[in-house]
Amino acid sequence: ITTTGGSPEVIEINNSESIPKAYGVAIDLGTTTVAALLVDLSTGK
């Protein structure tokens, strides 16, 4: 489930006993450089 689009929506399902992990990326789109972080959305790490 994601709420980024405004309203919550189910965008994918997974058939498994274990719940998958969701990840996100934070990006700084600079004039000269691009810097990025990969984040575990279940912990914020």
PDB file of all heavy atoms in Angstrom:
ATOM      1  N   ILE A   1       0.854  -1.198   0.000  1.00  0.00           N
ATOM      2  CA  ILE A   1       0.000   0.000   0.000  1.00  0.00           C
ATOM      3  C   ILE A   1       0.882   1.238   0.000  1.00  0.00           C
ATOM      4  O   ILE A   1       1.858   1.334   0.749  1.00  0.00           O
ATOM      5  CB  ILE A   1      -0.918   0.022   1.243  1.00  0.00           C
ATOM      6  CG1 ILE A   1      -1.863  -1.182   1.227  1.00  0.00           C
ATOM      7  CG2 ILE A   1      -1.719   1.321   1.300  1.00  0.00           C
ATOM      8  CD1 ILE A   1      -2.768  -1.248   2.436  1.00  0.00           C
ATOM      9  N   THR A   2       0.557   2.193  -0.856  1.00  0.00           N
ATOM     10  CA  THR A   2       1.252   3.472  -0.867  1.00  0.00           C
ATOM     11  C   THR A   2       0.250   4.608  -0.748  1.00  0.00           C
ATOM     12  O   THR A   2      -0.863   4.516  -1.277  1.00  0.00           O
ATOM     13  CB  THR A   2       2.095   3.657  -2.142  1.00  0.00           C
ATOM     14  OG1 THR A   2       2.714   4.953  -2.109  1.00  0.00           O
ATOM     15  CG2 THR A   2       1.248   3.562  -3.396  1.00  0.00           C
ATOM     16  N   THR A   3       0.664   5.668  -0.040  1.00  0.00           N
ATOM     17  CA  THR A   3      -0.187   6.859   0.086  1.00  0.00           C
ATOM     18  C   THR A   3       0.440   8.072  -0.604  1.00  0.00           C
ATOM     19  O   THR A   3      -0.094   9.170  -0.517  1.00  0.00           O
ATOM     20  CB  THR A   3      -0.416   7.194   1.579  1.00  0.00           C
ATOM     21  OG1 THR A   3       0.862   7.402   2.210  1.00  0.00           O
ATOM     22  CG2 THR A   3      -1.155   6.080   2.285  1.00  0.00           C
ATOM     23  N   THR A   4       1.543   7.876  -1.300  1.00  0.00           N
ATOM     24  CA  THR A   4       2.239   9.003  -1.926  1.00  0.00           C
ATOM     25  C   THR A   4       1.360   9.708  -2.945  1.00  0.00           C
ATOM     26  O   THR A   4       1.404  10.941  -3.078  1.00  0.00           O
ATOM     27  CB  THR A   4       3.545   8.527  -2.604  1.00  0.00           C
ATOM     28  OG1 THR A   4       4.412   8.011  -1.610  1.00  0.00           O
ATOM     29  CG2 THR A   4       4.240   9.671  -3.319  1.00  0.00           C
ATOM     30  N   GLY A   5       0.538   8.961  -3.676  1.00  0.00           N
ATOM     31  CA  GLY A   5      -0.293   9.554  -4.714  1.00  0.00           C
ATOM     32  C   GLY A   5      -1.444  10.381  -4.187  1.00  0.00           C
ATOM     33  O   GLY A   5      -2.179  10.985  -4.971  1.00  0.00           O
ATOM     34  N   GLY A   6      -1.627  10.438  -2.872  1.00  0.00           N
ATOM     35  CA  GLY A   6      -2.727  11.198  -2.273  1.00  0.00           C
ATOM     36  C   GLY A   6      -3.673  10.286  -1.541  1.00  0.00           C
ATOM     37  O   GLY A   6      -3.806  10.339  -0.323  1.00  0.00           O
ATOM     38  N   SER A   7      -4.341   9.384  -2.271  1.00  0.00           N
ATOM     39  CA  SER A   7      -5.230   8.393  -1.664  1.00  0.00           C
ATOM     40  C   SER A   7      -4.483   7.072  -1.547  1.00  0.00           C
ATOM     41  O   SER A   7      -3.707   6.704  -2.436  1.00  0.00           O
ATOM     42  CB  SER A   7      -6.481   8.195  -2.529  1.00  0.00           C
ATOM     43  OG  SER A   7      -7.174   9.408  -2.690  1.00  0.00           O
ATOM     44  N   PRO A   8      -4.682   6.335  -0.445  1.00  0.00           N
ATOM     45  CA  PRO A   8      -4.019   5.033  -0.324  1.00  0.00           C
ATOM     46  C   PRO A   8      -4.479   4.079  -1.421  1.00  0.00           C
ATOM     47  O   PRO A   8      -5.653   4.054  -1.788  1.00  0.00           O
ATOM     48  CB  PRO A   8      -4.430   4.551   1.074  1.00  0.00           C
ATOM     49  CG  PRO A   8      -5.582   5.375   1.472  1.00  0.00           C
ATOM     50  CD  PRO A   8      -5.518   6.656   0.730  1.00  0.00           C
ATOM     51  N   GLU A   9      -3.541   3.315  -1.942  1.00  0.00           N
ATOM     52  CA  GLU A   9      -3.872   2.359  -2.987  1.00  0.00           C
ATOM     53  C   GLU A   9      -2.972   1.132  -2.873  1.00  0.00           C
ATOM     54  O   GLU A   9      -1.830   1.225  -2.428  1.00  0.00           O
ATOM     55  CB  GLU A   9      -3.706   2.981  -4.374  1.00  0.00           C
ATOM     56  CG  GLU A   9      -2.299   3.459  -4.668  1.00  0.00           C
ATOM     57  CD  GLU A   9      -2.126   3.984  -6.076  1.00  0.00           C
ATOM     58  OE1 GLU A   9      -2.774   3.463  -7.000  1.00  0.00           O
ATOM     59  OE2 GLU A   9      -1.318   4.922  -6.263  1.00  0.00           O
ATOM     60  N   VAL A  10      -3.517  -0.010  -3.254  1.00  0.00           N
ATOM     61  CA  VAL A  10      -2.734  -1.235  -3.334  1.00  0.00           C
ATOM     62  C   VAL A  10      -2.131  -1.291  -4.733  1.00  0.00           C
ATOM     63  O   VAL A  10      -2.857  -1.307  -5.726  1.00  0.00           O
ATOM     64  CB  VAL A  10      -3.599  -2.484  -3.060  1.00  0.00           C
ATOM     65  CG1 VAL A  10      -2.771  -3.749  -3.265  1.00  0.00           C
ATOM     66  CG2 VAL A  10      -4.172  -2.442  -1.655  1.00  0.00           C
ATOM     67  N   ILE A  11      -0.793  -1.324  -4.804  1.00  0.00           N
ATOM     68  CA  ILE A  11      -0.147  -1.301  -6.121  1.00  0.00           C
ATOM     69  C   ILE A  11       0.492  -2.639  -6.482  1.00  0.00           C
ATOM     70  O   ILE A  11       0.910  -2.822  -7.626  1.00  0.00           O
ATOM     71  CB  ILE A  11       0.903  -0.179  -6.215  1.00  0.00           C
ATOM     72  CG1 ILE A  11       2.040  -0.388  -5.196  1.00  0.00           C
ATOM     73  CG2 ILE A  11       0.251   1.181  -6.033  1.00  0.00           C
ATOM     74  CD1 ILE A  11       3.191   0.583  -5.384  1.00  0.00           C
ATOM     75  N   GLU A  12       0.583  -3.555  -5.530  1.00  0.00           N
ATOM     76  CA  GLU A  12       1.219  -4.838  -5.809  1.00  0.00           C
ATOM     77  C   GLU A  12       0.819  -5.838  -4.742  1.00  0.00           C
ATOM     78  O   GLU A  12       0.487  -5.469  -3.606  1.00  0.00           O
ATOM     79  CB  GLU A  12       2.743  -4.671  -5.809  1.00  0.00           C
ATOM     80  CG  GLU A  12       3.532  -5.910  -6.214  1.00  0.00           C
ATOM     81  CD  GLU A  12       3.273  -6.351  -7.628  1.00  0.00           C
ATOM     82  OE1 GLU A  12       2.284  -7.083  -7.830  1.00  0.00           O
ATOM     83  OE2 GLU A  12       4.043  -5.948  -8.521  1.00  0.00           O
ATOM     84  N   ILE A  13       0.792  -7.130  -5.095  1.00  0.00           N
ATOM     85  CA  ILE A  13       0.594  -8.185  -4.106  1.00  0.00           C
ATOM     86  C   ILE A  13       1.715  -9.206  -4.257  1.00  0.00           C
ATOM     87  O   ILE A  13       2.403  -9.263  -5.274  1.00  0.00           O
ATOM     88  CB  ILE A  13      -0.780  -8.876  -4.254  1.00  0.00           C
ATOM     89  CG1 ILE A  13      -0.891  -9.566  -5.623  1.00  0.00           C
ATOM     90  CG2 ILE A  13      -1.908  -7.901  -4.011  1.00  0.00           C
ATOM     91  CD1 ILE A  13      -2.118 -10.469  -5.735  1.00  0.00           C
ATOM     92  N   ASN A  14       1.893  -9.990  -3.199  1.00  0.00           N
ATOM     93  CA  ASN A  14       2.937 -11.011  -3.199  1.00  0.00           C
ATOM     94  C   ASN A  14       2.372 -12.296  -2.610  1.00  0.00           C
ATOM     95  O   ASN A  14       1.706 -12.271  -1.572  1.00  0.00           O
ATOM     96  CB  ASN A  14       4.129 -10.534  -2.367  1.00  0.00           C
ATOM     97  CG  ASN A  14       5.262 -11.541  -2.370  1.00  0.00           C
ATOM     98  OD1 ASN A  14       5.920 -11.753  -3.379  1.00  0.00           O
ATOM     99  ND2 ASN A  14       5.482 -12.182  -1.224  1.00  0.00           N
ATOM    100  N   ASN A  15       2.604 -13.407  -3.279  1.00  0.00           N
ATOM    101  CA  ASN A  15       2.133 -14.708  -2.807  1.00  0.00           C
ATOM    102  C   ASN A  15       3.263 -15.411  -2.067  1.00  0.00           C
ATOM    103  O   ASN A  15       4.138 -16.025  -2.675  1.00  0.00           O
ATOM    104  CB  ASN A  15       1.663 -15.571  -3.983  1.00  0.00           C
ATOM    105  CG  ASN A  15       0.469 -14.948  -4.702  1.00  0.00           C
ATOM    106  OD1 ASN A  15       0.631 -14.083  -5.540  1.00  0.00           O
ATOM    107  ND2 ASN A  15      -0.717 -15.388  -4.362  1.00  0.00           N
ATOM    108  N   SER A  16       3.238 -15.290  -0.772  1.00  0.00           N
ATOM    109  CA  SER A  16       4.279 -15.915   0.047  1.00  0.00           C
ATOM    110  C   SER A  16       3.873 -15.834   1.505  1.00  0.00           C
ATOM    111  O   SER A  16       3.111 -14.944   1.905  1.00  0.00           O
ATOM    112  CB  SER A  16       5.616 -15.208  -0.163  1.00  0.00           C
ATOM    113  OG  SER A  16       6.588 -15.713   0.724  1.00  0.00           O
ATOM    114  N   GLU A  17       4.390 -16.765   2.312  1.00  0.00           N
ATOM    115  CA  GLU A  17       4.106 -16.727   3.741  1.00  0.00           C
ATOM    116  C   GLU A  17       4.815 -15.554   4.412  1.00  0.00           C
ATOM    117  O   GLU A  17       4.332 -15.012   5.397  1.00  0.00           O
ATOM    118  CB  GLU A  17       4.541 -18.038   4.397  1.00  0.00           C
ATOM    119  CG  GLU A  17       3.673 -19.238   4.007  1.00  0.00           C
ATOM    120  CD  GLU A  17       4.026 -20.473   4.806  1.00  0.00           C
ATOM    121  OE1 GLU A  17       4.875 -20.361   5.711  1.00  0.00           O
ATOM    122  OE2 GLU A  17       3.445 -21.531   4.534  1.00  0.00           O
ATOM    123  N   SER A  18       5.975 -15.193   3.885  1.00  0.00           N
ATOM    124  CA  SER A  18       6.719 -14.069   4.468  1.00  0.00           C
ATOM    125  C   SER A  18       6.339 -12.769   3.769  1.00  0.00           C
ATOM    126  O   SER A  18       6.111 -12.740   2.551  1.00  0.00           O
ATOM    127  CB  SER A  18       8.221 -14.303   4.343  1.00  0.00           C
ATOM    128  OG  SER A  18       8.598 -14.418   2.990  1.00  0.00           O
ATOM    129  N   ILE A  19       6.275 -11.711   4.562  1.00  0.00           N
ATOM    130  CA  ILE A  19       5.945 -10.389   4.002  1.00  0.00           C
ATOM    131  C   ILE A  19       7.218  -9.763   3.435  1.00  0.00           C
ATOM    132  O   ILE A  19       8.229  -9.672   4.128  1.00  0.00           O
ATOM    133  CB  ILE A  19       5.338  -9.483   5.085  1.00  0.00           C
ATOM    134  CG1 ILE A  19       4.025 -10.080   5.608  1.00  0.00           C
ATOM    135  CG2 ILE A  19       5.099  -8.080   4.540  1.00  0.00           C
ATOM    136  CD1 ILE A  19       3.381  -9.271   6.700  1.00  0.00           C
ATOM    137  N   PRO A  20       7.190  -9.332   2.173  1.00  0.00           N
ATOM    138  CA  PRO A  20       8.398  -8.735   1.571  1.00  0.00           C
ATOM    139  C   PRO A  20       8.751  -7.415   2.243  1.00  0.00           C
ATOM    140  O   PRO A  20       7.953  -6.827   2.980  1.00  0.00           O
ATOM    141  CB  PRO A  20       8.006  -8.508   0.113  1.00  0.00           C
ATOM    142  CG  PRO A  20       6.742  -9.261  -0.088  1.00  0.00           C
ATOM    143  CD  PRO A  20       6.073  -9.363   1.240  1.00  0.00           C
ATOM    144  N   LYS A  21       9.946  -6.936   1.957  1.00  0.00           N
ATOM    145  CA  LYS A  21      10.367  -5.621   2.428  1.00  0.00           C
ATOM    146  C   LYS A  21      10.155  -4.597   1.315  1.00  0.00           C
ATOM    147  O   LYS A  21      10.337  -4.890   0.136  1.00  0.00           O
ATOM    148  CB  LYS A  21      11.835  -5.635   2.842  1.00  0.00           C
ATOM    149  CG  LYS A  21      12.069  -6.249   4.224  1.00  0.00           C
ATOM    150  CD  LYS A  21      13.435  -5.859   4.753  1.00  0.00           C
ATOM    151  CE  LYS A  21      13.556  -6.279   6.214  1.00  0.00           C
ATOM    152  NZ  LYS A  21      14.838  -5.836   6.810  1.00  0.00           N
ATOM    153  N   ALA A  22       9.774  -3.420   1.731  1.00  0.00           N
ATOM    154  CA  ALA A  22       9.643  -2.304   0.789  1.00  0.00           C
ATOM    155  C   ALA A  22      10.801  -1.347   1.009  1.00  0.00           C
ATOM    156  O   ALA A  22      11.238  -1.113   2.138  1.00  0.00           O
ATOM    157  CB  ALA A  22       8.314  -1.578   1.007  1.00  0.00           C
ATOM    158  N   TYR A  23      11.308  -0.787  -0.083  1.00  0.00           N
ATOM    159  CA  TYR A  23      12.435   0.129  -0.014  1.00  0.00           C
ATOM    160  C   TYR A  23      12.073   1.441  -0.701  1.00  0.00           C
ATOM    161  O   TYR A  23      11.189   1.492  -1.561  1.00  0.00           O
ATOM    162  CB  TYR A  23      13.664  -0.478  -0.690  1.00  0.00           C
ATOM    163  CG  TYR A  23      14.088  -1.794  -0.108  1.00  0.00           C
ATOM    164  CD1 TYR A  23      13.606  -2.991  -0.627  1.00  0.00           C
ATOM    165  CD2 TYR A  23      14.961  -1.858   0.978  1.00  0.00           C
ATOM    166  CE1 TYR A  23      13.984  -4.210  -0.089  1.00  0.00           C
ATOM    167  CE2 TYR A  23      15.352  -3.079   1.528  1.00  0.00           C
ATOM    168  CZ  TYR A  23      14.853  -4.259   0.980  1.00  0.00           C
ATOM    169  OH  TYR A  23      15.224  -5.452   1.523  1.00  0.00           O
ATOM    170  N   GLY A  24      12.770   2.475  -0.324  1.00  0.00           N
ATOM    171  CA  GLY A  24      12.601   3.780  -0.957  1.00  0.00           C
ATOM    172  C   GLY A  24      13.949   4.400  -1.243  1.00  0.00           C
ATOM    173  O   GLY A  24      14.968   4.007  -0.659  1.00  0.00           O
ATOM    174  N   VAL A  25      13.961   5.375  -2.138  1.00  0.00           N
ATOM    175  CA  VAL A  25      15.190   6.106  -2.425  1.00  0.00           C
ATOM    176  C   VAL A  25      14.957   7.596  -2.191  1.00  0.00           C
ATOM    177  O   VAL A  25      13.914   8.155  -2.563  1.00  0.00           O
ATOM    178  CB  VAL A  25      15.699   5.872  -3.861  1.00  0.00           C
ATOM    179  CG1 VAL A  25      16.275   4.480  -4.004  1.00  0.00           C
ATOM    180  CG2 VAL A  25      14.613   6.109  -4.894  1.00  0.00           C
ATOM    181  N   ALA A  26      15.932   8.210  -1.535  1.00  0.00           N
ATOM    182  CA  ALA A  26      15.952   9.662  -1.368  1.00  0.00           C
ATOM    183  C   ALA A  26      17.017  10.207  -2.303  1.00  0.00           C
ATOM    184  O   ALA A  26      18.144   9.691  -2.324  1.00  0.00           O
ATOM    185  CB  ALA A  26      16.259  10.032   0.075  1.00  0.00           C
ATOM    186  N   ILE A  27      16.678  11.237  -3.073  1.00  0.00           N
ATOM    187  CA  ILE A  27      17.565  11.755  -4.105  1.00  0.00           C
ATOM    188  C   ILE A  27      17.784  13.252  -3.924  1.00  0.00           C
ATOM    189  O   ILE A  27      16.836  13.999  -3.688  1.00  0.00           O
ATOM    190  CB  ILE A  27      16.973  11.534  -5.514  1.00  0.00           C
ATOM    191  CG1 ILE A  27      16.629  10.057  -5.757  1.00  0.00           C
ATOM    192  CG2 ILE A  27      17.910  12.074  -6.591  1.00  0.00           C
ATOM    193  CD1 ILE A  27      17.787   9.146  -5.925  1.00  0.00           C
ATOM    194  N   ASP A  28      19.051  13.672  -4.037  1.00  0.00           N
ATOM    195  CA  ASP A  28      19.351  15.093  -4.208  1.00  0.00           C
ATOM    196  C   ASP A  28      19.755  15.284  -5.657  1.00  0.00           C
ATOM    197  O   ASP A  28      20.833  14.840  -6.074  1.00  0.00           O
ATOM    198  CB  ASP A  28      20.482  15.534  -3.278  1.00  0.00           C
ATOM    199  CG  ASP A  28      21.004  16.933  -3.641  1.00  0.00           C
ATOM    200  OD1 ASP A  28      20.175  17.784  -3.987  1.00  0.00           O
ATOM    201  OD2 ASP A  28      22.234  17.136  -3.599  1.00  0.00           O
ATOM    202  N   LEU A  29      18.888  15.922  -6.431  1.00  0.00           N
ATOM    203  CA  LEU A  29      19.170  16.184  -7.846  1.00  0.00           C
ATOM    204  C   LEU A  29      19.838  17.546  -7.943  1.00  0.00           C
ATOM    205  O   LEU A  29      19.189  18.582  -8.083  1.00  0.00           O
ATOM    206  CB  LEU A  29      17.873  16.137  -8.665  1.00  0.00           C
ATOM    207  CG  LEU A  29      17.991  16.421 -10.163  1.00  0.00           C
ATOM    208  CD1 LEU A  29      18.986  15.480 -10.833  1.00  0.00           C
ATOM    209  CD2 LEU A  29      16.634  16.339 -10.840  1.00  0.00           C
ATOM    210  N   GLY A  30      21.159  17.546  -7.825  1.00  0.00           N
ATOM    211  CA  GLY A  30      21.913  18.791  -7.850  1.00  0.00           C
ATOM    212  C   GLY A  30      22.267  19.224  -9.261  1.00  0.00           C
ATOM    213  O   GLY A  30      22.226  18.433 -10.204  1.00  0.00           O
ATOM    214  N   THR A  31      22.645  20.478  -9.400  1.00  0.00           N
ATOM    215  CA  THR A  31      23.029  21.006 -10.700  1.00  0.00           C
ATOM    216  C   THR A  31      24.277  20.302 -11.237  1.00  0.00           C
ATOM    217  O   THR A  31      24.400  20.070 -12.439  1.00  0.00           O
ATOM    218  CB  THR A  31      23.308  22.517 -10.584  1.00  0.00           C
ATOM    219  OG1 THR A  31      22.212  23.144  -9.917  1.00  0.00           O
ATOM    220  CG2 THR A  31      23.490  23.151 -11.948  1.00  0.00           C
ATOM    221  N   THR A  32      25.165  19.931 -10.320  1.00  0.00           N
ATOM    222  CA  THR A  32      26.413  19.277 -10.701  1.00  0.00           C
ATOM    223  C   THR A  32      26.412  17.790 -10.410  1.00  0.00           C
ATOM    224  O   THR A  32      26.923  16.999 -11.205  1.00  0.00           O
ATOM    225  CB  THR A  32      27.601  19.938  -9.966  1.00  0.00           C
ATOM    226  OG1 THR A  32      27.614  21.332 -10.242  1.00  0.00           O
ATOM    227  CG2 THR A  32      28.924  19.321 -10.392  1.00  0.00           C
ATOM    228  N   THR A  33      25.853  17.396  -9.270  1.00  0.00           N
ATOM    229  CA  THR A  33      25.917  15.994  -8.851  1.00  0.00           C
ATOM    230  C   THR A  33      24.541  15.481  -8.423  1.00  0.00           C
ATOM    231  O   THR A  33      23.641  16.250  -8.083  1.00  0.00           O
ATOM    232  CB  THR A  33      26.890  15.810  -7.670  1.00  0.00           C
ATOM    233  OG1 THR A  33      26.457  16.619  -6.571  1.00  0.00           O
ATOM    234  CG2 THR A  33      28.294  16.207  -8.056  1.00  0.00           C
ATOM    235  N   VAL A  34      24.424  14.163  -8.433  1.00  0.00           N
ATOM    236  CA  VAL A  34      23.242  13.475  -7.911  1.00  0.00           C
ATOM    237  C   VAL A  34      23.709  12.596  -6.755  1.00  0.00           C
ATOM    238  O   VAL A  34      24.662  11.828  -6.916  1.00  0.00           O
ATOM    239  CB  VAL A  34      22.574  12.603  -8.995  1.00  0.00           C
ATOM    240  CG1 VAL A  34      21.436  11.787  -8.393  1.00  0.00           C
ATOM    241  CG2 VAL A  34      22.059  13.469 -10.131  1.00  0.00           C
ATOM    242  N   ALA A  35      23.085  12.731  -5.617  1.00  0.00           N
ATOM    243  CA  ALA A  35      23.401  11.889  -4.462  1.00  0.00           C
ATOM    244  C   ALA A  35      22.137  11.142  -4.056  1.00  0.00           C
ATOM    245  O   ALA A  35      21.021  11.664  -4.182  1.00  0.00           O
ATOM    246  CB  ALA A  35      23.913  12.732  -3.293  1.00  0.00           C
ATOM    247  N   ALA A  36      22.295   9.908  -3.579  1.00  0.00           N
ATOM    248  CA  ALA A  36      21.122   9.067  -3.329  1.00  0.00           C
ATOM    249  C   ALA A  36      21.322   8.165  -2.119  1.00  0.00           C
ATOM    250  O   ALA A  36      22.443   7.753  -1.805  1.00  0.00           O
ATOM    251  CB  ALA A  36      20.826   8.213  -4.569  1.00  0.00           C
ATOM    252  N   LEU A  37      20.214   7.862  -1.449  1.00  0.00           N
ATOM    253  CA  LEU A  37      20.186   6.943  -0.316  1.00  0.00           C
ATOM    254  C   LEU A  37      19.149   5.860  -0.578  1.00  0.00           C
ATOM    255  O   LEU A  37      18.061   6.149  -1.087  1.00  0.00           O
ATOM    256  CB  LEU A  37      19.809   7.673   0.977  1.00  0.00           C
ATOM    257  CG  LEU A  37      20.654   8.864   1.417  1.00  0.00           C
ATOM    258  CD1 LEU A  37      20.021   9.528   2.636  1.00  0.00           C
ATOM    259  CD2 LEU A  37      22.075   8.437   1.725  1.00  0.00           C
ATOM    260  N   LEU A  38      19.472   4.625  -0.228  1.00  0.00           N
ATOM    261  CA  LEU A  38      18.505   3.528  -0.258  1.00  0.00           C
ATOM    262  C   LEU A  38      18.062   3.270   1.173  1.00  0.00           C
ATOM    263  O   LEU A  38      18.891   3.089   2.068  1.00  0.00           O
ATOM    264  CB  LEU A  38      19.128   2.266  -0.847  1.00  0.00           C
ATOM    265  CG  LEU A  38      18.225   1.021  -0.863  1.00  0.00           C
ATOM    266  CD1 LEU A  38      17.081   1.194  -1.862  1.00  0.00           C
ATOM    267  CD2 LEU A  38      19.028  -0.232  -1.198  1.00  0.00           C
ATOM    268  N   VAL A  39      16.751   3.241   1.382  1.00  0.00           N
ATOM    269  CA  VAL A  39      16.203   3.174   2.728  1.00  0.00           C
ATOM    270  C   VAL A  39      15.246   1.998   2.863  1.00  0.00           C
ATOM    271  O   VAL A  39      14.413   1.755   1.979  1.00  0.00           O
ATOM    272  CB  VAL A  39      15.462   4.492   3.072  1.00  0.00           C
ATOM    273  CG1 VAL A  39      14.871   4.441   4.473  1.00  0.00           C
ATOM    274  CG2 VAL A  39      16.408   5.680   2.927  1.00  0.00           C
ATOM    275  N   ASP A  40      15.363   1.261   3.971  1.00  0.00           N
ATOM    276  CA  ASP A  40      14.417   0.198   4.319  1.00  0.00           C
ATOM    277  C   ASP A  40      13.177   0.858   4.907  1.00  0.00           C
ATOM    278  O   ASP A  40      13.226   1.477   5.986  1.00  0.00           O
ATOM    279  CB  ASP A  40      15.063  -0.741   5.348  1.00  0.00           C
ATOM    280  CG  ASP A  40      14.186  -1.930   5.697  1.00  0.00           C
ATOM    281  OD1 ASP A  40      12.950  -1.847   5.502  1.00  0.00           O
ATOM    282  OD2 ASP A  40      14.721  -2.939   6.197  1.00  0.00           O
ATOM    283  N   LEU A  41      12.047   0.754   4.218  1.00  0.00           N
ATOM    284  CA  LEU A  41      10.832   1.448   4.661  1.00  0.00           C
ATOM    285  C   LEU A  41      10.129   0.752   5.816  1.00  0.00           C
ATOM    286  O   LEU A  41       9.115   1.253   6.311  1.00  0.00           O
ATOM    287  CB  LEU A  41       9.863   1.615   3.485  1.00  0.00           C
ATOM    288  CG  LEU A  41      10.345   2.536   2.357  1.00  0.00           C
ATOM    289  CD1 LEU A  41       9.282   2.678   1.278  1.00  0.00           C
ATOM    290  CD2 LEU A  41      10.734   3.913   2.899  1.00  0.00           C
ATOM    291  N   SER A  42      10.667  -0.383   6.266  1.00  0.00           N
ATOM    292  CA  SER A  42      10.096  -1.009   7.455  1.00  0.00           C
ATOM    293  C   SER A  42      10.800  -0.552   8.727  1.00  0.00           C
ATOM    294  O   SER A  42      10.279  -0.721   9.832  1.00  0.00           O
ATOM    295  CB  SER A  42      10.177  -2.544   7.351  1.00  0.00           C
ATOM    296  OG  SER A  42      11.526  -2.964   7.296  1.00  0.00           O
ATOM    297  N   THR A  43      11.989   0.045   8.571  1.00  0.00           N
ATOM    298  CA  THR A  43      12.756   0.481   9.743  1.00  0.00           C
ATOM    299  C   THR A  43      13.253   1.924   9.631  1.00  0.00           C
ATOM    300  O   THR A  43      13.585   2.540  10.641  1.00  0.00           O
ATOM    301  CB  THR A  43      13.982  -0.429   9.943  1.00  0.00           C
ATOM    302  OG1 THR A  43      14.861  -0.279   8.811  1.00  0.00           O
ATOM    303  CG2 THR A  43      13.578  -1.876  10.102  1.00  0.00           C
ATOM    304  N   GLY A  44      13.363   2.451   8.425  1.00  0.00           N
ATOM    305  CA  GLY A  44      13.951   3.769   8.224  1.00  0.00           C
ATOM    306  C   GLY A  44      15.460   3.735   8.118  1.00  0.00           C
ATOM    307  O   GLY A  44      16.109   4.772   7.958  1.00  0.00           O
ATOM    308  N   LYS A  45      16.048   2.548   8.171  1.00  0.00           N
ATOM    309  CA  LYS A  45      17.502   2.426   8.138  1.00  0.00           C
ATOM    310  C   LYS A  45      18.046   2.694   6.734  1.00  0.00           C
ATOM    311  O   LYS A  45      17.492   2.223   5.740  1.00  0.00           O
ATOM    312  CB  LYS A  45      17.912   1.028   8.594  1.00  0.00           C
ATOM    313  CG  LYS A  45      19.414   0.818   8.662  1.00  0.00           C
ATOM    314  CD  LYS A  45      19.758  -0.586   9.143  1.00  0.00           C
ATOM    315  CE  LYS A  45      21.272  -0.791   9.186  1.00  0.00           C
ATOM    316  NZ  LYS A  45      21.623  -2.159   9.636  1.00  0.00           N
TER     317      LYS A  45
END
